[in-house]
């Protein structure tokens, strides 16, 4: 008597599981590439700001020129809520994939065109206005890119590993910043003196275009997220007015996310954009030391974020966020105090202390951008929440930090600014946030 054949499910299950993991990895890559391009540009612009300042503004006052260069980022980020909301509406109606195909192309083209803008000496006031226009276009598209990519990854992820998978989306941002810092440092080394200031700084901005084309190729070869297909019944049950529906039914989780994400925006963009300039411009470190010390701390954080995701998938989102807020209040002033020694070792040590709250907050705020909202309006709701809080404070923080130090003469004025955000986040998480790490992804969540 011959042995019975094993059940089909038993044979197919390992293969199906392997295919699912492969699809998830592809979704992570397709979703994360846009975050990489966005943050590559943001990091590059931030690190190049002191070099770009005399190109686009009168050279009568160096500090004012640098602050004005940061102000362009701040102004452009004010347009992100509008752009993010429009892209989010599109993503909830037409699907995540279609929206993300266009955002990455526009983002790459706008970034590359920054390298083509003539100088202030050549066309006068039109130079900073053209720069602002390109930053506004890029900001509007980026406002939908990040939340769309996070929604895409989360909707592909296994339910009990959502924070782990989205940690790679967070890492793509830091990899982009690290690549921006490394490219800025390499550019500063290759092009010396007048060559760097006249045209060498333009070269790295052109790299965004081929990076965007790679992202376009990746996104064209990945299917729509299964969660979105399931929630919209294959496109037959799409919300006709997702923005209105999101504001009507999910205004409380939108406010909760705003309160949580403001502290991370201030924390992160004080560190990656303002602090290297503070080390060089105020404490007198050579420029390469400021950039290198920042790059080292980013490189240390990157492998830690998946560990933070694993931990959060086990203990929840709220404990991680509370720990991060407390770490902001306690460890950031210590980091600034260590950095005041004005040496390369002190710069590295200060930023290694600084990344402790980043460990607890970064990936968790990222996954909450998707988990707090229901699937059919996730793109729109998260775009409204993210862009009215994180994006705005991401843009204004380098400007505000530079202005505070210039006004009060101490970096502890920047800490007071961060502490206000951390206290807000702590109150919101403790009193109003609903735990989401074991919640059903497609369900409505209401903050309590």
Protein backbone atom coordinates (compact mmCIF):
# COMPACT_ATOMS: atom_id res chain seq x y z
CA UNK A 1 0.00 0.00 0.00
CA UNK A 2 1.55 3.25 -1.07
CA UNK A 3 1.94 6.11 1.34
CA UNK A 4 -0.56 8.89 1.04
CA UNK A 5 0.69 12.07 -0.50
CA UNK A 6 1.21 14.88 1.99
CA UNK A 7 -1.51 17.50 2.05
CA UNK A 8 -1.18 20.17 -0.58
CA UNK A 9 -1.21 22.91 2.02
CA UNK A 10 1.73 21.38 3.81
CA UNK A 11 3.73 21.29 0.60
CA UNK A 12 2.73 24.76 -0.51
CA UNK A 13 2.94 26.51 2.86
CA UNK A 14 6.76 26.92 3.03
CA UNK A 15 6.84 28.12 -0.56
CA UNK A 16 3.96 30.51 0.06
CA UNK A 17 5.68 31.84 3.19
CA UNK A 18 8.93 32.34 1.29
CA UNK A 19 7.10 34.19 -1.48
CA UNK A 20 5.34 36.38 1.10
CA UNK A 21 8.67 37.28 2.75
CA UNK A 22 10.16 38.05 -0.66
CA UNK A 23 7.20 40.28 -1.49
CA UNK A 24 7.55 42.07 1.84
CA UNK A 25 11.26 42.70 1.22
CA UNK A 26 10.46 44.11 -2.21
CA UNK A 27 7.74 46.31 -0.71
CA UNK A 28 10.21 47.61 1.89
CA UNK A 29 12.72 48.42 -0.85
CA UNK A 30 10.13 50.06 -3.09
CA UNK A 31 8.67 52.08 -0.24
CA UNK A 32 11.97 53.11 1.32
CA UNK A 33 13.81 54.33 -1.79
CA UNK A 34 11.73 57.52 -1.89
CA UNK A 35 12.50 58.26 1.76
CA UNK A 36 16.18 57.80 0.94
CA UNK A 37 16.04 60.29 -1.95
CA UNK A 38 14.10 62.83 0.12
CA UNK A 39 16.47 62.71 3.07
CA UNK A 40 19.56 62.59 0.83
CA UNK A 41 18.44 65.93 -0.54
CA UNK A 42 17.49 67.28 2.90
CA UNK A 43 20.78 66.21 4.47
CA UNK A 44 22.79 67.45 1.51
CA UNK A 45 21.03 70.81 1.54
CA UNK A 46 21.48 71.14 5.31
CA UNK A 47 25.17 70.32 5.23
CA UNK A 48 25.79 72.49 2.16
CA UNK A 49 23.80 75.47 3.50
CA UNK A 50 26.86 77.46 4.69
CA UNK A 51 28.46 77.01 1.24
CA UNK A 52 25.26 77.76 -0.66
CA UNK A 53 24.38 80.83 1.43
CA UNK A 54 26.66 83.35 -0.39
CA UNK A 55 25.59 81.86 -3.75
CA UNK A 56 21.93 82.80 -3.28
CA UNK A 57 22.07 85.73 -0.86
CA UNK A 58 24.12 88.94 -0.47
CA UNK A 59 27.38 88.33 1.39
CA UNK A 60 27.12 91.36 3.69
CA UNK A 61 26.28 89.24 6.75
CA UNK A 62 27.32 85.58 6.79
CA UNK A 63 25.04 84.62 9.69
CA UNK A 64 22.01 86.21 8.04
CA UNK A 65 22.81 84.44 4.75
CA UNK A 66 23.03 81.03 6.45
CA UNK A 67 19.82 81.63 8.41
CA UNK A 68 18.10 82.73 5.18
CA UNK A 69 19.20 79.50 3.48
CA UNK A 70 17.64 77.50 6.32
CA UNK A 71 14.56 79.74 6.15
CA UNK A 72 13.92 78.56 2.58
CA UNK A 73 13.58 75.01 3.93
CA UNK A 74 11.26 76.27 6.67
CA UNK A 75 9.03 78.15 4.21
CA UNK A 76 8.89 75.25 1.76
CA UNK A 77 7.85 72.87 4.54
CA UNK A 78 4.83 75.06 5.23
CA UNK A 79 3.51 73.87 1.86
CA UNK A 80 3.92 70.20 2.76
CA UNK A 81 0.48 69.89 4.42
CA UNK A 82 -1.19 71.03 1.20
CA UNK A 83 0.88 68.76 -1.03
CA UNK A 84 0.69 65.82 1.37
CA UNK A 85 -3.08 66.12 1.66
CA UNK A 86 -3.53 66.16 -2.13
CA UNK A 87 -1.19 63.21 -2.64
CA UNK A 88 -2.86 61.40 0.28
CA UNK A 89 -6.31 61.86 -1.28
CA UNK A 90 -4.96 60.45 -4.52
CA UNK A 91 -3.35 57.50 -2.72
CA UNK A 92 -6.61 56.61 -0.95
CA UNK A 93 -8.58 56.79 -4.18
CA UNK A 94 -6.18 55.45 -6.85
CA UNK A 95 -3.96 53.29 -4.64
CA UNK A 96 -0.61 53.61 -2.89
CA UNK A 97 1.46 52.35 -5.80
CA UNK A 98 0.19 54.80 -8.40
CA UNK A 99 0.71 57.82 -6.15
CA UNK A 100 4.20 56.73 -5.14
CA UNK A 101 5.26 56.23 -8.77
CA UNK A 102 4.80 59.92 -9.47
CA UNK A 103 6.08 61.39 -6.20
CA UNK A 104 9.55 59.89 -6.54
CA UNK A 105 10.03 61.23 -10.09
CA UNK A 106 8.96 64.78 -9.24
CA UNK A 107 11.11 64.74 -6.11
CA UNK A 108 14.22 63.68 -8.02
CA UNK A 109 13.73 66.22 -10.83
CA UNK A 110 13.17 69.11 -8.38
CA UNK A 111 16.28 68.19 -6.40
CA UNK A 112 18.45 67.91 -9.51
CA UNK A 113 17.26 71.31 -10.76
CA UNK A 114 18.61 72.98 -7.61
CA UNK A 115 22.04 72.37 -9.12
CA UNK A 116 21.03 74.48 -12.14
CA UNK A 117 19.78 77.64 -10.38
CA UNK A 118 21.93 80.70 -11.26
CA UNK A 119 23.62 82.73 -8.52
CA UNK A 120 22.44 85.90 -6.80
CA UNK A 121 25.20 87.83 -8.57
CA UNK A 122 23.89 86.62 -11.95
CA UNK A 123 20.12 87.16 -11.62
CA UNK A 124 19.65 88.96 -8.30
CA UNK A 125 16.56 88.25 -6.21
CA UNK A 126 15.35 85.67 -8.74
CA UNK A 127 18.03 83.27 -7.49
CA UNK A 128 16.60 82.71 -3.99
CA UNK A 129 13.07 82.82 -5.41
CA UNK A 130 13.85 80.01 -7.88
CA UNK A 131 15.49 78.04 -5.09
CA UNK A 132 12.40 78.55 -2.94
CA UNK A 133 10.11 77.47 -5.78
CA UNK A 134 12.00 74.20 -6.26
CA UNK A 135 12.00 73.56 -2.52
CA UNK A 136 8.23 74.19 -2.41
CA UNK A 137 7.59 71.72 -5.26
CA UNK A 138 9.81 69.14 -3.62
CA UNK A 139 8.24 69.78 -0.23
CA UNK A 140 4.69 69.38 -1.51
CA UNK A 141 5.49 66.05 -3.15
CA UNK A 142 7.56 64.84 -0.20
CA UNK A 143 4.62 65.54 2.08
CA UNK A 144 2.84 62.57 0.52
CA UNK A 145 5.91 60.45 -0.23
CA UNK A 146 6.88 59.56 3.33
CA UNK A 147 3.46 58.68 4.73
CA UNK A 148 2.55 56.82 1.55
CA UNK A 149 5.71 54.75 1.75
CA UNK A 150 5.11 53.95 5.42
CA UNK A 151 1.48 52.97 4.73
CA UNK A 152 2.67 50.79 1.86
CA UNK A 153 5.23 48.95 4.02
CA UNK A 154 2.88 48.52 6.99
CA UNK A 155 0.07 47.22 4.78
CA UNK A 156 2.42 44.57 3.40
CA UNK A 157 3.93 43.64 6.80
CA UNK A 158 3.10 40.68 9.03
CA UNK A 159 0.84 41.92 11.88
CA UNK A 160 3.25 41.06 14.71
CA UNK A 161 6.31 42.56 12.97
CA UNK A 162 5.06 45.94 11.80
CA UNK A 163 7.51 48.03 13.85
CA UNK A 164 10.39 45.82 12.77
CA UNK A 165 9.58 46.20 9.08
CA UNK A 166 8.93 49.94 9.29
CA UNK A 167 12.27 50.37 11.04
CA UNK A 168 13.78 49.86 7.60
CA UNK A 169 11.69 52.75 6.28
CA UNK A 170 13.11 54.85 9.13
CA UNK A 171 16.58 53.58 8.32
CA UNK A 172 16.21 54.64 4.72
CA UNK A 173 15.80 58.21 5.99
CA UNK A 174 18.98 58.00 8.04
CA UNK A 175 20.82 56.27 5.22
CA UNK A 176 19.75 59.15 3.01
CA UNK A 177 20.99 61.68 5.55
CA UNK A 178 24.24 59.72 5.95
CA UNK A 179 24.66 59.61 2.18
CA UNK A 180 23.98 63.34 2.06
CA UNK A 181 26.58 63.98 4.75
CA UNK A 182 29.11 61.69 3.10
CA UNK A 183 28.50 63.26 -0.30
CA UNK A 184 28.83 66.76 1.19
CA UNK A 185 32.09 65.80 2.90
CA UNK A 186 33.45 64.18 -0.26
CA UNK A 187 32.41 67.18 -2.35
CA UNK A 188 34.12 69.54 0.12
CA UNK A 189 37.30 67.45 -0.14
CA UNK A 190 37.32 67.05 -3.94
CA UNK A 191 36.46 70.65 -4.76
CA UNK A 192 38.62 73.06 -2.83
CA UNK A 193 38.10 76.76 -2.15
CA UNK A 194 36.68 78.78 -5.07
CA UNK A 195 35.78 75.69 -7.12
CA UNK A 196 33.55 74.39 -4.33
CA UNK A 197 31.86 77.74 -3.77
CA UNK A 198 31.32 78.56 -7.45
CA UNK A 199 30.17 75.25 -8.97
CA UNK A 200 31.40 72.18 -7.06
CA UNK A 201 28.52 72.27 -4.56
CA UNK A 202 26.08 71.77 -7.46
CA UNK A 203 27.37 68.35 -8.52
CA UNK A 204 25.86 66.17 -5.74
CA UNK A 205 22.34 67.51 -6.31
CA UNK A 206 22.32 65.87 -9.76
CA UNK A 207 22.66 62.44 -8.11
CA UNK A 208 19.01 62.58 -7.04
CA UNK A 209 17.86 61.98 -10.61
CA UNK A 210 19.39 58.50 -11.16
CA UNK A 211 18.36 57.55 -7.61
CA UNK A 212 14.77 58.45 -8.45
CA UNK A 213 14.89 56.38 -11.63
CA UNK A 214 15.99 53.36 -9.57
CA UNK A 215 13.04 53.98 -7.25
CA UNK A 216 10.68 54.25 -10.19
CA UNK A 217 11.86 50.88 -11.50
CA UNK A 218 11.42 49.24 -8.09
CA UNK A 219 7.92 50.61 -7.65
CA UNK A 220 6.77 49.60 -11.11
CA UNK A 221 7.59 45.97 -10.26
CA UNK A 222 5.67 45.62 -6.98
CA UNK A 223 1.95 44.97 -6.60
CA UNK A 224 -0.51 47.19 -4.72
CA UNK A 225 -0.60 46.54 -0.97
CA UNK A 226 -2.87 43.58 -0.15
CA UNK A 227 -4.38 45.42 2.83
CA UNK A 228 -5.52 48.31 0.62
CA UNK A 229 -6.93 45.90 -1.99
CA UNK A 230 -8.78 44.01 0.75
CA UNK A 231 -10.15 47.15 2.46
CA UNK A 232 -11.38 48.70 -0.78
CA UNK A 233 -12.62 45.37 -2.18
CA UNK A 234 -10.34 45.59 -5.17
CA UNK A 235 -11.18 49.22 -5.91
CA UNK A 236 -14.96 48.96 -5.72
CA UNK A 237 -15.28 50.28 -2.17
CA UNK A 238 -13.05 53.36 -2.31
CA UNK A 239 -13.89 56.37 -0.12
CA UNK A 240 -15.01 59.18 -2.43
CA UNK A 241 -13.90 62.01 -0.13
CA UNK A 242 -11.06 60.57 2.01
CA UNK A 243 -9.89 63.94 3.35
CA UNK A 244 -13.33 64.87 4.64
CA UNK A 245 -13.85 61.37 6.02
CA UNK A 246 -10.45 61.41 7.76
CA UNK A 247 -11.15 64.77 9.41
CA UNK A 248 -14.63 63.65 10.45
CA UNK A 249 -13.87 60.22 11.88
CA UNK A 250 -10.19 60.34 12.84
CA UNK A 251 -9.53 63.83 14.15
CA UNK A 252 -8.55 62.53 17.59
CA UNK A 253 -5.80 60.15 16.40
CA UNK A 254 -4.64 62.91 14.05
CA UNK A 255 -4.16 65.24 17.03
CA UNK A 256 -2.46 62.47 19.01
CA UNK A 257 0.01 61.84 16.22
CA UNK A 258 0.74 65.55 15.94
CA UNK A 259 1.54 65.75 19.65
CA UNK A 260 3.83 62.72 19.48
CA UNK A 261 5.69 63.57 16.30
CA UNK A 262 6.60 67.18 17.09
CA UNK A 263 9.17 66.11 19.68
CA UNK A 264 10.81 63.69 17.22
CA UNK A 265 10.95 66.33 14.49
CA UNK A 266 12.71 68.81 16.77
CA UNK A 267 15.00 66.12 18.19
CA UNK A 268 16.04 64.70 14.81
CA UNK A 269 16.53 67.88 12.82
CA UNK A 270 18.37 69.68 15.58
CA UNK A 271 20.79 66.78 15.45
CA UNK A 272 21.26 65.99 11.75
CA UNK A 273 20.96 69.48 10.25
CA UNK A 274 21.73 72.13 12.86
CA UNK A 275 24.23 70.51 15.24
CA UNK A 276 27.05 69.90 12.70
CA UNK A 277 26.90 73.57 11.72
CA UNK A 278 26.95 74.53 15.42
CA UNK A 279 30.04 72.41 15.98
CA UNK A 280 31.87 74.11 13.14
CA UNK A 281 30.45 77.63 13.11
CA UNK A 282 30.22 78.22 16.88
CA UNK A 283 32.61 75.77 18.55
CA UNK A 284 35.26 76.11 15.84
CA UNK A 285 35.72 72.48 14.79
CA UNK A 286 37.03 71.94 11.24
CA UNK A 287 34.14 71.33 8.89
CA UNK A 288 35.12 67.75 8.16
CA UNK A 289 35.09 66.96 11.90
CA UNK A 290 31.57 68.31 12.30
CA UNK A 291 30.30 66.26 9.38
CA UNK A 292 32.29 63.13 10.30
CA UNK A 293 31.15 63.13 13.94
CA UNK A 294 27.54 63.42 12.81
CA UNK A 295 27.99 60.65 10.25
CA UNK A 296 29.46 58.35 12.91
CA UNK A 297 26.46 58.82 15.20
CA UNK A 298 24.01 58.22 12.32
CA UNK A 299 25.93 55.06 11.36
CA UNK A 300 25.69 53.79 14.95
CA UNK A 301 21.93 54.41 15.11
CA UNK A 302 21.08 52.63 11.85
CA UNK A 303 21.63 49.02 13.03
CA UNK A 304 19.92 49.84 16.35
CA UNK A 305 16.56 50.78 14.82
CA UNK A 306 15.52 47.23 13.81
CA UNK A 307 16.26 46.20 17.42
CA UNK A 308 13.99 49.01 18.61
CA UNK A 309 11.32 47.71 16.23
CA UNK A 310 11.63 44.17 17.61
CA UNK A 311 11.40 45.49 21.17
CA UNK A 312 8.33 47.59 20.39
CA UNK A 313 6.60 44.65 18.70
CA UNK A 314 6.96 42.85 22.05
CA UNK A 315 6.22 45.56 24.63
CA UNK A 316 4.12 48.06 22.68
CA UNK A 317 4.37 51.58 21.27
CA UNK A 318 3.52 53.62 24.36
CA UNK A 319 6.37 52.37 26.62
CA UNK A 320 8.89 53.17 23.89
CA UNK A 321 7.49 56.65 23.30
CA UNK A 322 7.40 57.47 27.02
CA UNK A 323 11.00 56.31 27.42
CA UNK A 324 12.01 58.44 24.44
CA UNK A 325 10.35 61.57 25.81
CA UNK A 326 12.02 61.14 29.19
CA UNK A 327 15.38 60.53 27.48
CA UNK A 328 14.93 63.79 25.55
CA UNK A 329 14.46 65.72 28.77
CA UNK A 330 17.35 64.09 30.64
CA UNK A 331 20.02 63.23 28.07
CA UNK A 332 19.95 66.04 25.50
CA UNK A 333 21.34 68.71 27.89
CA UNK A 334 24.04 66.20 28.91
CA UNK A 335 24.89 65.70 25.22
CA UNK A 336 25.19 69.46 24.68
CA UNK A 337 27.37 69.80 27.78
CA UNK A 338 29.76 67.09 26.54
CA UNK A 339 29.93 68.68 23.09
CA UNK A 340 30.96 72.05 24.55
CA UNK A 341 34.50 70.66 25.06
CA UNK A 342 35.02 71.48 21.39
CA UNK A 343 37.05 68.44 20.37
CA UNK A 344 36.34 65.75 17.79
CA UNK A 345 36.03 63.10 20.52
CA UNK A 346 33.59 65.29 22.44
CA UNK A 347 31.54 65.89 19.29
CA UNK A 348 31.25 62.13 18.70
CA UNK A 349 30.49 61.38 22.36
CA UNK A 350 27.83 64.08 22.57
CA UNK A 351 25.98 62.70 19.57
CA UNK A 352 26.21 59.10 20.79
CA UNK A 353 24.39 60.29 23.91
CA UNK A 354 21.94 62.19 21.74
CA UNK A 355 20.86 59.12 19.77
CA UNK A 356 19.50 57.33 22.87
CA UNK A 357 16.10 59.10 22.63
CA UNK A 358 16.27 58.60 18.86
CA UNK A 359 16.44 54.84 19.50
CA UNK A 360 13.16 54.89 21.41
CA UNK A 361 11.28 57.32 19.19
CA UNK A 362 12.25 57.14 15.53
CA UNK A 363 10.85 53.83 14.30
CA UNK A 364 7.91 53.93 16.69
CA UNK A 365 6.66 57.32 15.53
CA UNK A 366 7.04 55.94 12.00
CA UNK A 367 4.87 52.86 12.53
CA UNK A 368 2.27 54.94 14.43
CA UNK A 369 1.86 57.05 11.29
CA UNK A 370 0.10 54.03 9.79
CA UNK A 371 -1.30 52.12 12.78
CA UNK A 372 -3.33 54.98 14.22
CA UNK A 373 -5.53 55.24 11.12
CA UNK A 374 -7.98 53.00 9.28
CA UNK A 375 -6.96 51.59 5.91
CA UNK A 376 -9.48 53.26 3.61
CA UNK A 377 -8.36 56.77 4.70
CA UNK A 378 -4.88 55.95 6.01
CA UNK A 379 -2.97 57.87 3.36
CA UNK A 380 -5.06 61.04 3.79
CA UNK A 381 -5.25 60.92 7.60
CA UNK A 382 -1.55 60.22 8.06
CA UNK A 383 -0.66 62.92 5.51
CA UNK A 384 -2.71 65.47 7.42
CA UNK A 385 -1.21 64.42 10.77
CA UNK A 386 2.39 64.06 9.60
CA UNK A 387 2.56 67.22 7.52
CA UNK A 388 0.80 69.51 9.98
CA UNK A 389 3.26 68.51 12.69
CA UNK A 390 6.41 66.60 11.77
CA UNK A 391 6.99 68.21 8.37
CA UNK A 392 6.45 71.74 9.64
CA UNK A 393 8.77 71.31 12.62
CA UNK A 394 11.29 69.40 10.50
CA UNK A 395 11.52 72.44 8.26
CA UNK A 396 11.55 75.21 10.86
CA UNK A 397 13.80 73.53 13.45
CA UNK A 398 17.21 74.29 11.83
CA UNK A 399 16.07 77.89 11.30
CA UNK A 400 14.68 78.23 14.85
CA UNK A 401 17.76 76.59 16.38
CA UNK A 402 20.15 78.89 14.51
CA UNK A 403 18.03 81.90 15.47
CA UNK A 404 17.91 80.87 19.16
CA UNK A 405 21.67 80.44 19.39
CA UNK A 406 22.23 83.70 17.53
CA UNK A 407 19.81 85.51 19.88
CA UNK A 408 20.66 84.00 23.26
CA UNK A 409 24.26 82.96 22.64
CA UNK A 410 23.81 79.44 24.06
CA UNK A 411 22.73 76.07 22.70
CA UNK A 412 20.69 75.48 25.84
CA UNK A 413 18.07 77.79 24.33
CA UNK A 414 17.66 75.05 21.71
CA UNK A 415 17.25 72.51 24.52
CA UNK A 416 14.40 74.60 25.96
CA UNK A 417 12.71 74.44 22.56
CA UNK A 418 13.15 70.64 22.42
CA UNK A 419 12.04 70.20 26.05
CA UNK A 420 8.74 71.93 25.27
CA UNK A 421 8.14 69.44 22.45
CA UNK A 422 9.15 66.48 24.64
CA UNK A 423 6.81 67.53 27.45
CA UNK A 424 3.96 67.86 24.96
CA UNK A 425 4.70 64.39 23.61
CA UNK A 426 4.89 62.88 27.09
CA UNK A 427 1.49 64.29 28.08
CA UNK A 428 -0.15 63.19 24.83
CA UNK A 429 1.22 59.62 24.96
CA UNK A 430 0.46 59.17 28.65
CA UNK A 431 -3.02 60.67 28.71
CA UNK A 432 -4.54 60.39 25.24
CA UNK A 433 -2.90 57.71 23.11
CA UNK A 434 -4.42 54.28 22.55
CA UNK A 435 -1.96 51.38 22.27
CA UNK A 436 -1.80 50.14 18.67
CA UNK A 437 0.82 47.40 18.49
CA UNK A 438 -1.68 44.53 18.67
CA UNK A 439 -4.59 46.30 17.02
CA UNK A 440 -6.26 45.22 13.81
CA UNK A 441 -4.70 47.28 11.04
CA UNK A 442 -7.89 48.07 9.16
CA UNK A 443 -9.96 49.16 12.17
CA UNK A 444 -10.65 52.71 13.31
CA UNK A 445 -8.61 53.80 16.32
CA UNK A 446 -9.76 56.48 18.68
CA UNK A 447 -7.46 58.12 21.20
CA UNK A 448 -8.69 57.92 24.74
